[in-house]
Amino acid sequence: MSGVQPGGGDHPVGIDELLERVRTGFERLGPREAKAAAEEGALLVDIRYAELRARDGLIPGALVVERNELEWRLDPQGSHRAAEAVSHGLRVVVICNEGYASSLAVESLHRLGLYRATDLIGGFQAWRAAGLPVEG
């Protein structure tokens, strides 16, 4: 394996630097922007693990896909894709608990060609704090 590290360069980077690099590749959305995007047809994708969903609830209409299955479920060419994964042009808003893992997930989706993928700043916690709908 070569010495090239994810995000470019030939030296290891810390997670904070990696997140900063990754996030320069797309425009992130705030909670109200994410809700508006969903109302305009974007797919909200909740990648939180089951314990967090059970504890805090769900965003109505969001597709639940655990992080370890995300690429397989959203690849429009994949044999295990979700019914919602209709094209590489699909607007996807990835939501984790606090907005960190979702940024890394978006980078992976971009590599699959889902060029309109983005994430929610502050994750589910920011959505809930903004008073937006939560069920369960």
N, C-alpha and C. Protein backbone atom coordinates (compact mmCIF):
# COMPACT_ATOMS: atom_id res chain seq x y z
N MET A 1 0.85 -1.18 0.00
CA MET A 1 0.00 0.00 0.00
C MET A 1 0.89 1.24 0.00
N SER A 2 0.50 2.25 -0.73
CA SER A 2 1.31 3.46 -0.82
C SER A 2 1.21 4.28 0.45
N GLY A 3 2.09 5.26 0.57
CA GLY A 3 2.08 6.13 1.73
C GLY A 3 1.11 7.29 1.61
N VAL A 4 0.33 7.35 0.53
CA VAL A 4 -0.61 8.44 0.36
C VAL A 4 -1.78 8.24 1.32
N GLN A 5 -2.09 9.28 2.04
CA GLN A 5 -3.14 9.23 3.05
C GLN A 5 -4.46 9.73 2.48
N PRO A 6 -5.60 9.27 3.04
CA PRO A 6 -6.89 9.81 2.61
C PRO A 6 -6.90 11.32 2.74
N GLY A 7 -7.48 11.98 1.78
CA GLY A 7 -7.55 13.43 1.79
C GLY A 7 -6.36 14.08 1.11
N GLY A 8 -5.45 13.26 0.59
CA GLY A 8 -4.29 13.80 -0.12
C GLY A 8 -3.08 13.91 0.77
N GLY A 9 -1.95 14.10 0.16
CA GLY A 9 -0.71 14.25 0.92
C GLY A 9 -0.09 12.91 1.23
N ASP A 10 1.10 12.96 1.80
CA ASP A 10 1.79 11.72 2.09
C ASP A 10 2.12 11.60 3.57
N HIS A 11 1.42 12.32 4.40
CA HIS A 11 1.62 12.21 5.84
C HIS A 11 0.27 11.97 6.52
N PRO A 12 0.29 11.27 7.64
CA PRO A 12 -0.97 11.03 8.36
C PRO A 12 -1.59 12.35 8.84
N VAL A 13 -2.90 12.40 8.88
CA VAL A 13 -3.60 13.58 9.38
C VAL A 13 -4.48 13.15 10.56
N GLY A 14 -4.73 14.07 11.45
CA GLY A 14 -5.67 13.81 12.54
C GLY A 14 -7.09 13.97 12.06
N ILE A 15 -8.03 13.53 12.87
CA ILE A 15 -9.44 13.56 12.47
C ILE A 15 -9.94 14.98 12.26
N ASP A 16 -9.49 15.93 13.06
CA ASP A 16 -9.94 17.31 12.89
C ASP A 16 -9.51 17.86 11.53
N GLU A 17 -8.26 17.59 11.14
CA GLU A 17 -7.78 18.04 9.84
C GLU A 17 -8.50 17.32 8.71
N LEU A 18 -8.72 16.03 8.88
CA LEU A 18 -9.44 15.27 7.86
C LEU A 18 -10.85 15.82 7.67
N LEU A 19 -11.56 16.08 8.76
CA LEU A 19 -12.90 16.65 8.66
C LEU A 19 -12.88 18.00 7.94
N GLU A 20 -11.91 18.82 8.28
CA GLU A 20 -11.80 20.13 7.64
C GLU A 20 -11.59 19.97 6.13
N ARG A 21 -10.73 19.07 5.74
CA ARG A 21 -10.47 18.83 4.31
C ARG A 21 -11.71 18.30 3.60
N VAL A 22 -12.35 17.33 4.21
CA VAL A 22 -13.53 16.71 3.61
C VAL A 22 -14.63 17.74 3.41
N ARG A 23 -14.84 18.57 4.41
CA ARG A 23 -15.95 19.53 4.38
C ARG A 23 -15.76 20.65 3.37
N THR A 24 -14.54 20.83 2.86
CA THR A 24 -14.35 21.85 1.83
C THR A 24 -14.94 21.40 0.49
N GLY A 25 -15.28 20.13 0.39
CA GLY A 25 -15.78 19.59 -0.87
C GLY A 25 -17.28 19.70 -1.07
N PHE A 26 -18.00 20.23 -0.09
CA PHE A 26 -19.45 20.37 -0.23
C PHE A 26 -19.99 21.41 0.74
N GLU A 27 -21.18 21.91 0.42
CA GLU A 27 -21.83 22.88 1.29
C GLU A 27 -22.76 22.15 2.24
N ARG A 28 -22.50 22.29 3.51
CA ARG A 28 -23.31 21.63 4.54
C ARG A 28 -24.59 22.42 4.80
N LEU A 29 -25.61 21.76 5.31
CA LEU A 29 -26.90 22.40 5.57
C LEU A 29 -27.20 22.49 7.05
N GLY A 30 -27.83 23.59 7.44
CA GLY A 30 -28.37 23.71 8.80
C GLY A 30 -29.69 22.96 8.87
N PRO A 31 -30.25 22.82 10.07
CA PRO A 31 -31.49 22.07 10.23
C PRO A 31 -32.65 22.57 9.37
N ARG A 32 -32.89 23.86 9.34
CA ARG A 32 -34.02 24.38 8.55
C ARG A 32 -33.76 24.24 7.04
N GLU A 33 -32.51 24.39 6.65
CA GLU A 33 -32.16 24.17 5.24
C GLU A 33 -32.36 22.71 4.85
N ALA A 34 -32.02 21.80 5.75
CA ALA A 34 -32.22 20.37 5.48
C ALA A 34 -33.70 20.04 5.36
N LYS A 35 -34.50 20.62 6.23
CA LYS A 35 -35.95 20.39 6.16
C LYS A 35 -36.50 20.92 4.84
N ALA A 36 -36.06 22.11 4.45
CA ALA A 36 -36.52 22.69 3.17
C ALA A 36 -36.07 21.82 2.01
N ALA A 37 -34.83 21.31 2.07
CA ALA A 37 -34.34 20.42 1.00
C ALA A 37 -35.21 19.18 0.90
N ALA A 38 -35.59 18.61 2.05
CA ALA A 38 -36.46 17.42 2.04
C ALA A 38 -37.82 17.75 1.42
N GLU A 39 -38.34 18.92 1.74
CA GLU A 39 -39.63 19.33 1.17
C GLU A 39 -39.54 19.52 -0.34
N GLU A 40 -38.32 19.75 -0.84
CA GLU A 40 -38.11 19.92 -2.28
C GLU A 40 -37.65 18.62 -2.95
N GLY A 41 -37.68 17.51 -2.20
CA GLY A 41 -37.38 16.21 -2.79
C GLY A 41 -36.08 15.56 -2.37
N ALA A 42 -35.29 16.22 -1.54
CA ALA A 42 -34.05 15.59 -1.07
C ALA A 42 -34.37 14.41 -0.17
N LEU A 43 -33.48 13.46 -0.15
CA LEU A 43 -33.62 12.28 0.69
C LEU A 43 -32.81 12.48 1.96
N LEU A 44 -33.50 12.52 3.11
CA LEU A 44 -32.81 12.57 4.39
C LEU A 44 -32.44 11.14 4.76
N VAL A 45 -31.18 10.93 5.13
CA VAL A 45 -30.70 9.59 5.46
C VAL A 45 -30.09 9.61 6.85
N ASP A 46 -30.72 8.90 7.76
CA ASP A 46 -30.30 8.83 9.16
C ASP A 46 -29.35 7.64 9.33
N ILE A 47 -28.08 7.93 9.65
CA ILE A 47 -27.09 6.85 9.80
C ILE A 47 -26.77 6.56 11.27
N ARG A 48 -27.55 7.11 12.19
CA ARG A 48 -27.30 6.84 13.61
C ARG A 48 -27.55 5.37 13.91
N TYR A 49 -26.87 4.86 14.92
CA TYR A 49 -27.08 3.47 15.27
C TYR A 49 -28.37 3.31 16.08
N ALA A 50 -28.86 2.08 16.14
CA ALA A 50 -30.19 1.77 16.68
C ALA A 50 -30.42 2.32 18.08
N GLU A 51 -29.44 2.25 18.94
CA GLU A 51 -29.60 2.73 20.32
C GLU A 51 -29.94 4.23 20.36
N LEU A 52 -29.28 5.01 19.52
CA LEU A 52 -29.56 6.45 19.48
C LEU A 52 -30.95 6.73 18.91
N ARG A 53 -31.32 5.98 17.88
CA ARG A 53 -32.66 6.17 17.30
C ARG A 53 -33.73 5.82 18.32
N ALA A 54 -33.52 4.74 19.07
CA ALA A 54 -34.50 4.33 20.09
C ALA A 54 -34.57 5.36 21.21
N ARG A 55 -33.44 5.91 21.59
CA ARG A 55 -33.39 6.88 22.68
C ARG A 55 -33.99 8.22 22.29
N ASP A 56 -33.64 8.72 21.10
CA ASP A 56 -33.97 10.10 20.74
C ASP A 56 -35.10 10.25 19.73
N GLY A 57 -35.45 9.19 19.03
CA GLY A 57 -36.51 9.27 18.05
C GLY A 57 -35.99 9.39 16.63
N LEU A 58 -36.92 9.60 15.72
CA LEU A 58 -36.62 9.63 14.29
C LEU A 58 -37.14 10.90 13.65
N ILE A 59 -36.52 11.29 12.56
CA ILE A 59 -37.01 12.39 11.75
C ILE A 59 -38.05 11.79 10.79
N PRO A 60 -39.28 12.28 10.83
CA PRO A 60 -40.31 11.72 9.95
C PRO A 60 -39.87 11.76 8.48
N GLY A 61 -40.03 10.63 7.82
CA GLY A 61 -39.71 10.54 6.40
C GLY A 61 -38.26 10.22 6.08
N ALA A 62 -37.38 10.25 7.08
CA ALA A 62 -35.97 9.95 6.82
C ALA A 62 -35.79 8.45 6.59
N LEU A 63 -34.91 8.13 5.65
CA LEU A 63 -34.53 6.74 5.40
C LEU A 63 -33.47 6.36 6.42
N VAL A 64 -33.69 5.29 7.15
CA VAL A 64 -32.72 4.82 8.13
C VAL A 64 -31.81 3.80 7.46
N VAL A 65 -30.51 4.13 7.46
CA VAL A 65 -29.49 3.24 6.90
C VAL A 65 -28.29 3.31 7.84
N GLU A 66 -27.99 2.23 8.51
CA GLU A 66 -26.83 2.27 9.40
C GLU A 66 -25.57 2.55 8.60
N ARG A 67 -24.63 3.22 9.22
CA ARG A 67 -23.43 3.70 8.53
C ARG A 67 -22.71 2.60 7.76
N ASN A 68 -22.62 1.41 8.33
CA ASN A 68 -21.87 0.34 7.67
C ASN A 68 -22.56 -0.19 6.41
N GLU A 69 -23.78 0.23 6.14
CA GLU A 69 -24.50 -0.21 4.94
C GLU A 69 -24.72 0.93 3.94
N LEU A 70 -24.30 2.13 4.28
CA LEU A 70 -24.67 3.32 3.52
C LEU A 70 -24.34 3.24 2.04
N GLU A 71 -23.09 2.93 1.70
CA GLU A 71 -22.69 2.92 0.30
C GLU A 71 -23.46 1.86 -0.48
N TRP A 72 -23.70 0.71 0.11
CA TRP A 72 -24.43 -0.35 -0.59
C TRP A 72 -25.87 0.03 -0.82
N ARG A 73 -26.47 0.75 0.11
CA ARG A 73 -27.89 1.10 0.00
C ARG A 73 -28.13 2.32 -0.90
N LEU A 74 -27.13 3.21 -1.04
CA LEU A 74 -27.34 4.42 -1.83
C LEU A 74 -26.70 4.40 -3.21
N ASP A 75 -25.93 3.40 -3.53
CA ASP A 75 -25.32 3.31 -4.86
C ASP A 75 -26.42 2.97 -5.87
N PRO A 76 -26.74 3.90 -6.78
CA PRO A 76 -27.81 3.64 -7.75
C PRO A 76 -27.54 2.45 -8.66
N GLN A 77 -26.28 2.05 -8.77
CA GLN A 77 -25.92 0.91 -9.60
C GLN A 77 -25.80 -0.39 -8.81
N GLY A 78 -25.94 -0.30 -7.50
CA GLY A 78 -25.71 -1.46 -6.65
C GLY A 78 -26.87 -2.43 -6.59
N SER A 79 -26.54 -3.68 -6.39
CA SER A 79 -27.56 -4.72 -6.30
C SER A 79 -28.30 -4.69 -4.96
N HIS A 80 -27.79 -3.98 -3.97
CA HIS A 80 -28.42 -3.90 -2.65
C HIS A 80 -28.97 -2.51 -2.36
N ARG A 81 -29.19 -1.74 -3.41
CA ARG A 81 -29.62 -0.36 -3.22
C ARG A 81 -31.04 -0.28 -2.66
N ALA A 82 -31.28 0.81 -1.95
CA ALA A 82 -32.63 1.14 -1.47
C ALA A 82 -33.45 1.62 -2.66
N ALA A 83 -34.75 1.44 -2.58
CA ALA A 83 -35.63 1.88 -3.66
C ALA A 83 -35.48 3.37 -3.96
N GLU A 84 -35.11 4.14 -2.95
CA GLU A 84 -34.97 5.59 -3.10
C GLU A 84 -33.70 5.98 -3.87
N ALA A 85 -32.75 5.08 -3.99
CA ALA A 85 -31.46 5.37 -4.64
C ALA A 85 -31.63 5.27 -6.15
N VAL A 86 -32.22 6.31 -6.73
CA VAL A 86 -32.62 6.25 -8.14
C VAL A 86 -31.60 6.80 -9.13
N SER A 87 -30.70 7.69 -8.66
CA SER A 87 -29.72 8.25 -9.59
C SER A 87 -28.56 8.89 -8.83
N HIS A 88 -27.48 9.11 -9.56
CA HIS A 88 -26.33 9.79 -8.97
C HIS A 88 -26.63 11.26 -8.70
N GLY A 89 -27.66 11.79 -9.33
CA GLY A 89 -28.05 13.18 -9.11
C GLY A 89 -29.00 13.39 -7.95
N LEU A 90 -29.32 12.33 -7.24
CA LEU A 90 -30.20 12.43 -6.09
C LEU A 90 -29.59 13.34 -5.02
N ARG A 91 -30.39 14.26 -4.51
CA ARG A 91 -29.94 15.12 -3.41
C ARG A 91 -30.10 14.31 -2.13
N VAL A 92 -29.00 14.07 -1.44
CA VAL A 92 -28.99 13.28 -0.21
C VAL A 92 -28.46 14.15 0.91
N VAL A 93 -29.15 14.13 2.06
CA VAL A 93 -28.68 14.83 3.25
C VAL A 93 -28.45 13.76 4.32
N VAL A 94 -27.19 13.51 4.63
CA VAL A 94 -26.83 12.49 5.61
C VAL A 94 -26.88 13.09 7.01
N ILE A 95 -27.48 12.34 7.92
CA ILE A 95 -27.67 12.81 9.29
C ILE A 95 -27.11 11.78 10.26
N CYS A 96 -26.15 12.21 11.06
CA CYS A 96 -25.66 11.37 12.15
C CYS A 96 -26.13 12.03 13.45
N ASN A 97 -25.51 11.71 14.55
CA ASN A 97 -25.98 12.26 15.82
C ASN A 97 -25.59 13.73 16.01
N GLU A 98 -24.33 14.07 15.70
CA GLU A 98 -23.87 15.44 15.95
C GLU A 98 -23.18 16.11 14.76
N GLY A 99 -23.14 15.45 13.61
CA GLY A 99 -22.61 16.08 12.41
C GLY A 99 -21.15 15.83 12.11
N TYR A 100 -20.58 14.77 12.67
CA TYR A 100 -19.19 14.44 12.39
C TYR A 100 -19.09 13.24 11.45
N ALA A 101 -19.64 12.11 11.85
CA ALA A 101 -19.59 10.90 11.02
C ALA A 101 -20.28 11.13 9.68
N SER A 102 -21.29 11.99 9.67
CA SER A 102 -22.00 12.27 8.43
C SER A 102 -21.10 12.93 7.40
N SER A 103 -20.19 13.78 7.83
CA SER A 103 -19.28 14.44 6.89
C SER A 103 -18.38 13.42 6.21
N LEU A 104 -17.87 12.48 6.99
CA LEU A 104 -17.02 11.43 6.42
C LEU A 104 -17.83 10.54 5.47
N ALA A 105 -19.08 10.28 5.83
CA ALA A 105 -19.95 9.48 4.98
C ALA A 105 -20.22 10.17 3.65
N VAL A 106 -20.40 11.48 3.69
CA VAL A 106 -20.65 12.24 2.46
C VAL A 106 -19.46 12.13 1.51
N GLU A 107 -18.25 12.21 2.05
CA GLU A 107 -17.08 12.06 1.19
C GLU A 107 -17.11 10.72 0.46
N SER A 108 -17.48 9.68 1.17
CA SER A 108 -17.56 8.36 0.56
C SER A 108 -18.65 8.32 -0.53
N LEU A 109 -19.78 8.96 -0.28
CA LEU A 109 -20.85 9.01 -1.28
C LEU A 109 -20.40 9.78 -2.51
N HIS A 110 -19.64 10.84 -2.31
CA HIS A 110 -19.10 11.59 -3.45
C HIS A 110 -18.22 10.69 -4.31
N ARG A 111 -17.43 9.85 -3.68
CA ARG A 111 -16.57 8.93 -4.44
C ARG A 111 -17.39 7.94 -5.25
N LEU A 112 -18.60 7.65 -4.80
CA LEU A 112 -19.50 6.77 -5.56
C LEU A 112 -20.23 7.51 -6.67
N GLY A 113 -20.03 8.82 -6.74
CA GLY A 113 -20.68 9.60 -7.79
C GLY A 113 -21.94 10.32 -7.36
N LEU A 114 -22.30 10.23 -6.09
CA LEU A 114 -23.47 10.94 -5.58
C LEU A 114 -23.04 12.38 -5.26
N TYR A 115 -22.89 13.15 -6.31
CA TYR A 115 -22.26 14.46 -6.24
C TYR A 115 -23.09 15.51 -5.51
N ARG A 116 -24.37 15.27 -5.29
CA ARG A 116 -25.22 16.23 -4.58
C ARG A 116 -25.38 15.89 -3.10
N ALA A 117 -24.66 14.90 -2.62
CA ALA A 117 -24.75 14.51 -1.21
C ALA A 117 -24.14 15.59 -0.33
N THR A 118 -24.77 15.80 0.81
CA THR A 118 -24.28 16.73 1.83
C THR A 118 -24.68 16.19 3.19
N ASP A 119 -24.42 16.97 4.23
CA ASP A 119 -24.84 16.52 5.56
C ASP A 119 -25.42 17.67 6.37
N LEU A 120 -25.96 17.31 7.51
CA LEU A 120 -26.62 18.23 8.41
C LEU A 120 -25.65 18.70 9.48
N ILE A 121 -25.38 20.00 9.51
CA ILE A 121 -24.52 20.57 10.54
C ILE A 121 -25.15 20.32 11.91
N GLY A 122 -24.40 19.69 12.80
CA GLY A 122 -24.91 19.42 14.14
C GLY A 122 -25.75 18.16 14.25
N GLY A 123 -26.01 17.52 13.11
CA GLY A 123 -26.72 16.24 13.10
C GLY A 123 -28.12 16.28 13.70
N PHE A 124 -28.57 15.11 14.12
CA PHE A 124 -29.91 14.96 14.68
C PHE A 124 -30.12 15.89 15.87
N GLN A 125 -29.09 16.06 16.68
CA GLN A 125 -29.23 16.90 17.87
C GLN A 125 -29.56 18.34 17.50
N ALA A 126 -28.97 18.84 16.42
CA ALA A 126 -29.28 20.20 15.96
C ALA A 126 -30.70 20.27 15.41
N TRP A 127 -31.12 19.23 14.70
CA TRP A 127 -32.49 19.15 14.17
C TRP A 127 -33.48 19.27 15.31
N ARG A 128 -33.27 18.45 16.33
CA ARG A 128 -34.19 18.44 17.49
C ARG A 128 -34.14 19.78 18.22
N ALA A 129 -32.95 20.34 18.43
CA ALA A 129 -32.80 21.62 19.13
C ALA A 129 -33.49 22.76 18.38
N ALA A 130 -33.59 22.62 17.06
CA ALA A 130 -34.26 23.64 16.25
C ALA A 130 -35.79 23.52 16.33
N GLY A 131 -36.27 22.51 17.06
CA GLY A 131 -37.71 22.33 17.21
C GLY A 131 -38.38 21.70 16.01
N LEU A 132 -37.59 21.05 15.15
CA LEU A 132 -38.15 20.41 13.97
C LEU A 132 -38.77 19.06 14.34
N PRO A 133 -39.63 18.51 13.50
CA PRO A 133 -40.38 17.31 13.86
C PRO A 133 -39.50 16.09 14.16
N VAL A 134 -39.87 15.41 15.24
CA VAL A 134 -39.23 14.15 15.65
C VAL A 134 -40.37 13.24 16.10
N GLU A 135 -40.29 11.99 15.74
CA GLU A 135 -41.31 11.03 16.18
C GLU A 135 -40.67 9.89 16.94
N GLY A 136 -41.48 9.28 17.81
CA GLY A 136 -41.02 8.10 18.55
C GLY A 136 -40.28 8.40 19.81
